[in-house]
Amino acid sequence: MLILKSLRLAVPTLAAVSALALIGAEARAQDVAGLDVQGHAPTTLRINISGKDAPAVTKAVHVAARTVCGNARANRELDLGDVVVCQDASFVKAMRRYAAMTRFHTVAAIEGAIVLSAR
């Protein structure tokens, strides 16, 4: 009787162990190729301008222009000498967009965002 109880417990255990062994054999990789993963810093940023006054938007645009152009330099998309030109161009482009948005509306009424890009 004791042997039968032991066998009843042993059979499911052996079945589970053998199933795990089979799964482990199938899951083993035969050939692993090397990966070449390169991270890139974002060169586009979105600035939410809802409820911000003009000085706050100007400051945020300056910071964002430095960030996107610095990231482009870090990604080797820009030469070192072009970073300042990129910052100026990104800032001017974003501020023109902001001026167009505020032309017909008060600053408090504007809901939206400005997108800066290093390109």
N, C-alpha and C. Protein backbone atom coordinates (compact mmCIF):
# COMPACT_ATOMS: atom_id res chain seq x y z
N MET A 1 0.81 -1.19 0.00
CA MET A 1 0.00 0.00 0.00
C MET A 1 0.86 1.26 0.00
N LEU A 2 1.90 1.23 0.81
CA LEU A 2 2.80 2.38 0.90
C LEU A 2 3.53 2.59 -0.44
N ILE A 3 3.85 1.53 -1.10
CA ILE A 3 4.52 1.64 -2.39
C ILE A 3 3.61 2.27 -3.42
N LEU A 4 2.34 1.95 -3.40
CA LEU A 4 1.38 2.54 -4.33
C LEU A 4 1.25 4.05 -4.12
N LYS A 5 1.21 4.48 -2.86
CA LYS A 5 1.13 5.92 -2.57
C LYS A 5 2.39 6.62 -3.08
N SER A 6 3.52 5.99 -2.88
CA SER A 6 4.78 6.59 -3.33
C SER A 6 4.81 6.70 -4.84
N LEU A 7 4.31 5.67 -5.52
CA LEU A 7 4.28 5.71 -6.98
C LEU A 7 3.31 6.77 -7.49
N ARG A 8 2.18 6.92 -6.79
CA ARG A 8 1.21 7.94 -7.20
C ARG A 8 1.82 9.34 -7.11
N LEU A 9 2.65 9.57 -6.13
CA LEU A 9 3.31 10.87 -5.98
C LEU A 9 4.51 11.00 -6.93
N ALA A 10 5.18 9.92 -7.17
CA ALA A 10 6.40 9.97 -7.97
C ALA A 10 6.12 10.14 -9.45
N VAL A 11 5.07 9.55 -9.97
CA VAL A 11 4.79 9.60 -11.41
C VAL A 11 4.53 11.04 -11.87
N PRO A 12 3.64 11.82 -11.22
CA PRO A 12 3.47 13.20 -11.68
C PRO A 12 4.73 14.04 -11.54
N THR A 13 5.49 13.77 -10.49
CA THR A 13 6.73 14.52 -10.29
C THR A 13 7.72 14.21 -11.40
N LEU A 14 7.87 12.97 -11.75
CA LEU A 14 8.77 12.59 -12.84
C LEU A 14 8.29 13.15 -14.18
N ALA A 15 7.00 13.16 -14.38
CA ALA A 15 6.46 13.72 -15.62
C ALA A 15 6.76 15.21 -15.71
N ALA A 16 6.61 15.91 -14.62
CA ALA A 16 6.89 17.35 -14.62
C ALA A 16 8.36 17.63 -14.85
N VAL A 17 9.23 16.87 -14.22
CA VAL A 17 10.68 17.06 -14.39
C VAL A 17 11.08 16.76 -15.83
N SER A 18 10.54 15.70 -16.40
CA SER A 18 10.90 15.38 -17.79
C SER A 18 10.35 16.43 -18.76
N ALA A 19 9.18 16.99 -18.47
CA ALA A 19 8.63 18.05 -19.32
C ALA A 19 9.51 19.30 -19.26
N LEU A 20 9.97 19.63 -18.08
CA LEU A 20 10.88 20.78 -17.94
C LEU A 20 12.19 20.54 -18.67
N ALA A 21 12.68 19.32 -18.62
CA ALA A 21 13.92 18.99 -19.31
C ALA A 21 13.75 19.14 -20.82
N LEU A 22 12.60 18.71 -21.33
CA LEU A 22 12.34 18.84 -22.77
C LEU A 22 12.21 20.30 -23.18
N ILE A 23 11.53 21.09 -22.36
CA ILE A 23 11.37 22.52 -22.67
C ILE A 23 12.73 23.20 -22.65
N GLY A 24 13.55 22.85 -21.67
CA GLY A 24 14.89 23.44 -21.57
C GLY A 24 15.75 23.12 -22.77
N ALA A 25 15.62 21.92 -23.29
CA ALA A 25 16.40 21.52 -24.45
C ALA A 25 15.97 22.30 -25.69
N GLU A 26 14.68 22.53 -25.84
CA GLU A 26 14.19 23.27 -27.00
C GLU A 26 14.51 24.76 -26.91
N ALA A 27 14.57 25.28 -25.70
CA ALA A 27 14.76 26.71 -25.52
C ALA A 27 16.21 27.15 -25.68
N ARG A 28 17.14 26.22 -25.66
CA ARG A 28 18.54 26.58 -25.80
C ARG A 28 18.83 27.11 -27.20
N ALA A 29 19.53 28.20 -27.27
CA ALA A 29 19.87 28.79 -28.57
C ALA A 29 21.03 28.02 -29.18
N GLN A 30 20.95 27.79 -30.46
CA GLN A 30 22.01 27.08 -31.16
C GLN A 30 23.11 28.02 -31.61
N ASP A 31 22.72 29.21 -32.07
CA ASP A 31 23.69 30.16 -32.59
C ASP A 31 23.21 31.56 -32.23
N VAL A 32 24.03 32.29 -31.54
CA VAL A 32 23.67 33.64 -31.14
C VAL A 32 24.57 34.61 -31.89
N ALA A 33 23.96 35.48 -32.68
CA ALA A 33 24.72 36.47 -33.43
C ALA A 33 24.93 37.70 -32.56
N GLY A 34 26.00 38.41 -32.80
CA GLY A 34 26.28 39.63 -32.05
C GLY A 34 25.32 40.74 -32.43
N LEU A 35 24.96 41.56 -31.48
CA LEU A 35 24.05 42.67 -31.73
C LEU A 35 24.83 43.97 -31.75
N ASP A 36 24.44 44.85 -32.64
CA ASP A 36 25.04 46.17 -32.71
C ASP A 36 23.95 47.19 -32.41
N VAL A 37 23.79 47.51 -31.15
CA VAL A 37 22.74 48.42 -30.72
C VAL A 37 23.37 49.76 -30.37
N GLN A 38 22.85 50.79 -30.98
CA GLN A 38 23.34 52.13 -30.70
C GLN A 38 22.18 53.00 -30.26
N GLY A 39 22.32 53.62 -29.13
CA GLY A 39 21.28 54.52 -28.65
C GLY A 39 21.49 55.91 -29.23
N HIS A 40 20.42 56.57 -29.51
CA HIS A 40 20.50 57.93 -30.03
C HIS A 40 19.69 58.85 -29.14
N ALA A 41 20.27 59.99 -28.85
CA ALA A 41 19.57 60.99 -28.06
C ALA A 41 18.53 61.67 -28.94
N PRO A 42 17.39 62.08 -28.37
CA PRO A 42 16.33 62.69 -29.18
C PRO A 42 16.75 64.05 -29.73
N THR A 43 16.47 64.27 -31.00
CA THR A 43 16.79 65.55 -31.63
C THR A 43 15.52 66.34 -31.93
N THR A 44 14.42 65.95 -31.33
CA THR A 44 13.16 66.67 -31.44
C THR A 44 12.53 66.72 -30.05
N LEU A 45 12.07 67.91 -29.66
CA LEU A 45 11.40 68.08 -28.37
C LEU A 45 10.10 68.83 -28.56
N ARG A 46 9.13 68.52 -27.72
CA ARG A 46 7.82 69.19 -27.75
C ARG A 46 7.70 70.00 -26.46
N ILE A 47 7.42 71.28 -26.59
CA ILE A 47 7.27 72.17 -25.44
C ILE A 47 5.80 72.54 -25.31
N ASN A 48 5.21 72.22 -24.18
CA ASN A 48 3.82 72.60 -23.91
C ASN A 48 3.81 74.06 -23.48
N ILE A 49 3.06 74.89 -24.19
CA ILE A 49 3.05 76.32 -23.87
C ILE A 49 1.73 76.78 -23.29
N SER A 50 0.87 75.86 -22.97
CA SER A 50 -0.43 76.23 -22.40
C SER A 50 -0.24 76.98 -21.09
N GLY A 51 -0.76 78.21 -21.03
CA GLY A 51 -0.73 78.99 -19.81
C GLY A 51 0.60 79.64 -19.48
N LYS A 52 1.60 79.52 -20.34
CA LYS A 52 2.90 80.14 -20.08
C LYS A 52 2.95 81.54 -20.69
N ASP A 53 3.62 82.45 -19.99
CA ASP A 53 3.80 83.80 -20.54
C ASP A 53 5.01 83.80 -21.47
N ALA A 54 5.20 84.92 -22.17
CA ALA A 54 6.25 85.01 -23.19
C ALA A 54 7.66 84.76 -22.63
N PRO A 55 8.04 85.34 -21.48
CA PRO A 55 9.39 85.04 -20.96
C PRO A 55 9.60 83.56 -20.62
N ALA A 56 8.57 82.91 -20.11
CA ALA A 56 8.69 81.49 -19.78
C ALA A 56 8.85 80.65 -21.05
N VAL A 57 8.11 81.01 -22.09
CA VAL A 57 8.22 80.29 -23.36
C VAL A 57 9.61 80.52 -23.95
N THR A 58 10.09 81.75 -23.91
CA THR A 58 11.41 82.06 -24.46
C THR A 58 12.50 81.25 -23.76
N LYS A 59 12.42 81.19 -22.44
CA LYS A 59 13.41 80.42 -21.68
C LYS A 59 13.33 78.94 -22.02
N ALA A 60 12.12 78.41 -22.11
CA ALA A 60 11.95 76.99 -22.43
C ALA A 60 12.46 76.68 -23.83
N VAL A 61 12.26 77.60 -24.76
CA VAL A 61 12.73 77.39 -26.13
C VAL A 61 14.26 77.42 -26.18
N HIS A 62 14.88 78.33 -25.42
CA HIS A 62 16.35 78.37 -25.36
C HIS A 62 16.90 77.04 -24.85
N VAL A 63 16.34 76.53 -23.77
CA VAL A 63 16.81 75.28 -23.19
C VAL A 63 16.60 74.13 -24.17
N ALA A 64 15.44 74.09 -24.80
CA ALA A 64 15.14 73.02 -25.74
C ALA A 64 16.06 73.08 -26.97
N ALA A 65 16.36 74.28 -27.45
CA ALA A 65 17.26 74.42 -28.60
C ALA A 65 18.65 73.92 -28.25
N ARG A 66 19.13 74.26 -27.07
CA ARG A 66 20.44 73.75 -26.63
C ARG A 66 20.41 72.23 -26.52
N THR A 67 19.32 71.71 -26.02
CA THR A 67 19.22 70.26 -25.81
C THR A 67 19.20 69.49 -27.13
N VAL A 68 18.33 69.90 -28.06
CA VAL A 68 18.23 69.14 -29.32
C VAL A 68 19.50 69.25 -30.15
N CYS A 69 20.13 70.40 -30.15
CA CYS A 69 21.36 70.56 -30.92
C CYS A 69 22.54 69.85 -30.24
N GLY A 70 22.56 69.87 -28.91
CA GLY A 70 23.58 69.11 -28.19
C GLY A 70 23.41 67.62 -28.42
N ASN A 71 22.17 67.17 -28.46
CA ASN A 71 21.91 65.76 -28.75
C ASN A 71 22.32 65.38 -30.17
N ALA A 72 22.07 66.29 -31.11
CA ALA A 72 22.48 66.03 -32.50
C ALA A 72 24.00 65.93 -32.58
N ARG A 73 24.69 66.75 -31.83
CA ARG A 73 26.15 66.69 -31.79
C ARG A 73 26.61 65.37 -31.16
N ALA A 74 25.95 64.98 -30.07
CA ALA A 74 26.30 63.72 -29.41
C ALA A 74 26.04 62.52 -30.31
N ASN A 75 25.03 62.62 -31.15
CA ASN A 75 24.70 61.55 -32.11
C ASN A 75 25.59 61.58 -33.34
N ARG A 76 26.48 62.56 -33.40
CA ARG A 76 27.37 62.78 -34.54
C ARG A 76 26.62 63.15 -35.81
N GLU A 77 25.50 63.86 -35.62
CA GLU A 77 24.74 64.36 -36.76
C GLU A 77 25.16 65.79 -37.11
N LEU A 78 25.89 66.44 -36.20
CA LEU A 78 26.36 67.81 -36.40
C LEU A 78 27.84 67.88 -36.06
N ASP A 79 28.54 68.75 -36.77
CA ASP A 79 29.92 69.05 -36.40
C ASP A 79 29.92 70.01 -35.23
N LEU A 80 31.01 70.05 -34.51
CA LEU A 80 31.11 70.91 -33.33
C LEU A 80 30.87 72.38 -33.68
N GLY A 81 31.36 72.82 -34.81
CA GLY A 81 31.19 74.21 -35.23
C GLY A 81 29.77 74.58 -35.63
N ASP A 82 28.93 73.60 -35.87
CA ASP A 82 27.56 73.86 -36.30
C ASP A 82 26.55 73.90 -35.15
N VAL A 83 26.98 73.62 -33.94
CA VAL A 83 26.05 73.54 -32.81
C VAL A 83 25.40 74.88 -32.53
N VAL A 84 26.18 75.95 -32.51
CA VAL A 84 25.63 77.29 -32.23
C VAL A 84 24.68 77.72 -33.35
N VAL A 85 25.03 77.44 -34.58
CA VAL A 85 24.16 77.77 -35.71
C VAL A 85 22.85 77.00 -35.60
N CYS A 86 22.94 75.74 -35.21
CA CYS A 86 21.75 74.91 -35.03
C CYS A 86 20.87 75.48 -33.91
N GLN A 87 21.48 75.87 -32.80
CA GLN A 87 20.73 76.43 -31.68
C GLN A 87 19.99 77.69 -32.09
N ASP A 88 20.69 78.57 -32.79
CA ASP A 88 20.07 79.83 -33.23
C ASP A 88 18.91 79.55 -34.19
N ALA A 89 19.14 78.66 -35.15
CA ALA A 89 18.11 78.36 -36.14
C ALA A 89 16.89 77.70 -35.48
N SER A 90 17.12 76.79 -34.56
CA SER A 90 16.01 76.13 -33.87
C SER A 90 15.22 77.12 -33.03
N PHE A 91 15.94 78.01 -32.34
CA PHE A 91 15.28 79.01 -31.50
C PHE A 91 14.42 79.95 -32.35
N VAL A 92 14.99 80.47 -33.44
CA VAL A 92 14.25 81.41 -34.30
C VAL A 92 13.02 80.74 -34.90
N LYS A 93 13.17 79.54 -35.37
CA LYS A 93 12.04 78.82 -35.97
C LYS A 93 10.92 78.61 -34.96
N ALA A 94 11.27 78.22 -33.73
CA ALA A 94 10.26 77.99 -32.70
C ALA A 94 9.60 79.30 -32.27
N MET A 95 10.36 80.36 -32.17
CA MET A 95 9.79 81.64 -31.75
C MET A 95 8.90 82.24 -32.84
N ARG A 96 9.22 81.97 -34.10
CA ARG A 96 8.32 82.39 -35.19
C ARG A 96 6.98 81.65 -35.09
N ARG A 97 7.06 80.39 -34.78
CA ARG A 97 5.84 79.60 -34.59
C ARG A 97 5.04 80.14 -33.42
N TYR A 98 5.72 80.47 -32.33
CA TYR A 98 5.05 81.03 -31.16
C TYR A 98 4.41 82.38 -31.49
N ALA A 99 5.11 83.22 -32.26
CA ALA A 99 4.56 84.51 -32.66
C ALA A 99 3.31 84.33 -33.52
N ALA A 100 3.33 83.36 -34.40
CA ALA A 100 2.15 83.09 -35.22
C ALA A 100 0.98 82.61 -34.36
N MET A 101 1.27 81.85 -33.33
CA MET A 101 0.21 81.35 -32.46
C MET A 101 -0.39 82.47 -31.61
N THR A 102 0.44 83.44 -31.23
CA THR A 102 -0.04 84.52 -30.36
C THR A 102 -0.55 85.73 -31.13
N ARG A 103 -0.45 85.72 -32.41
CA ARG A 103 -0.84 86.86 -33.21
C ARG A 103 -2.31 87.24 -33.01
N PHE A 104 -3.17 86.26 -32.97
CA PHE A 104 -4.60 86.55 -32.88
C PHE A 104 -5.22 86.16 -31.53
N HIS A 105 -4.44 85.62 -30.65
CA HIS A 105 -4.96 85.17 -29.36
C HIS A 105 -4.09 85.71 -28.23
N THR A 106 -4.68 85.84 -27.06
CA THR A 106 -3.86 86.18 -25.91
C THR A 106 -3.09 84.94 -25.48
N VAL A 107 -2.02 85.15 -24.76
CA VAL A 107 -1.16 84.04 -24.35
C VAL A 107 -1.95 83.05 -23.48
N ALA A 108 -2.81 83.55 -22.62
CA ALA A 108 -3.57 82.67 -21.72
C ALA A 108 -4.55 81.79 -22.49
N ALA A 109 -4.97 82.22 -23.68
CA ALA A 109 -5.95 81.46 -24.44
C ALA A 109 -5.31 80.38 -25.31
N ILE A 110 -3.99 80.39 -25.42
CA ILE A 110 -3.31 79.43 -26.30
C ILE A 110 -3.21 78.07 -25.61
N GLU A 111 -3.63 77.08 -26.32
CA GLU A 111 -3.45 75.70 -25.89
C GLU A 111 -2.73 74.99 -27.00
N GLY A 112 -1.57 74.51 -26.72
CA GLY A 112 -0.82 73.81 -27.75
C GLY A 112 0.61 73.63 -27.36
N ALA A 113 1.41 73.35 -28.36
CA ALA A 113 2.82 73.07 -28.11
C ALA A 113 3.63 73.54 -29.29
N ILE A 114 4.89 73.73 -29.01
CA ILE A 114 5.87 74.06 -30.05
C ILE A 114 6.81 72.88 -30.15
N VAL A 115 7.11 72.47 -31.36
CA VAL A 115 8.03 71.36 -31.56
C VAL A 115 9.34 71.92 -32.08
N LEU A 116 10.42 71.61 -31.38
CA LEU A 116 11.76 72.02 -31.81
C LEU A 116 12.47 70.82 -32.40
N SER A 117 13.25 71.09 -33.42
CA SER A 117 13.98 70.03 -34.06
C SER A 117 15.37 70.53 -34.41
N ALA A 118 16.35 69.65 -34.36
CA ALA A 118 17.72 70.02 -34.71
C ALA A 118 17.93 69.99 -36.22
N ARG A 119 16.95 69.60 -36.96
CA ARG A 119 17.12 69.51 -38.42
C ARG A 119 16.51 70.70 -39.10
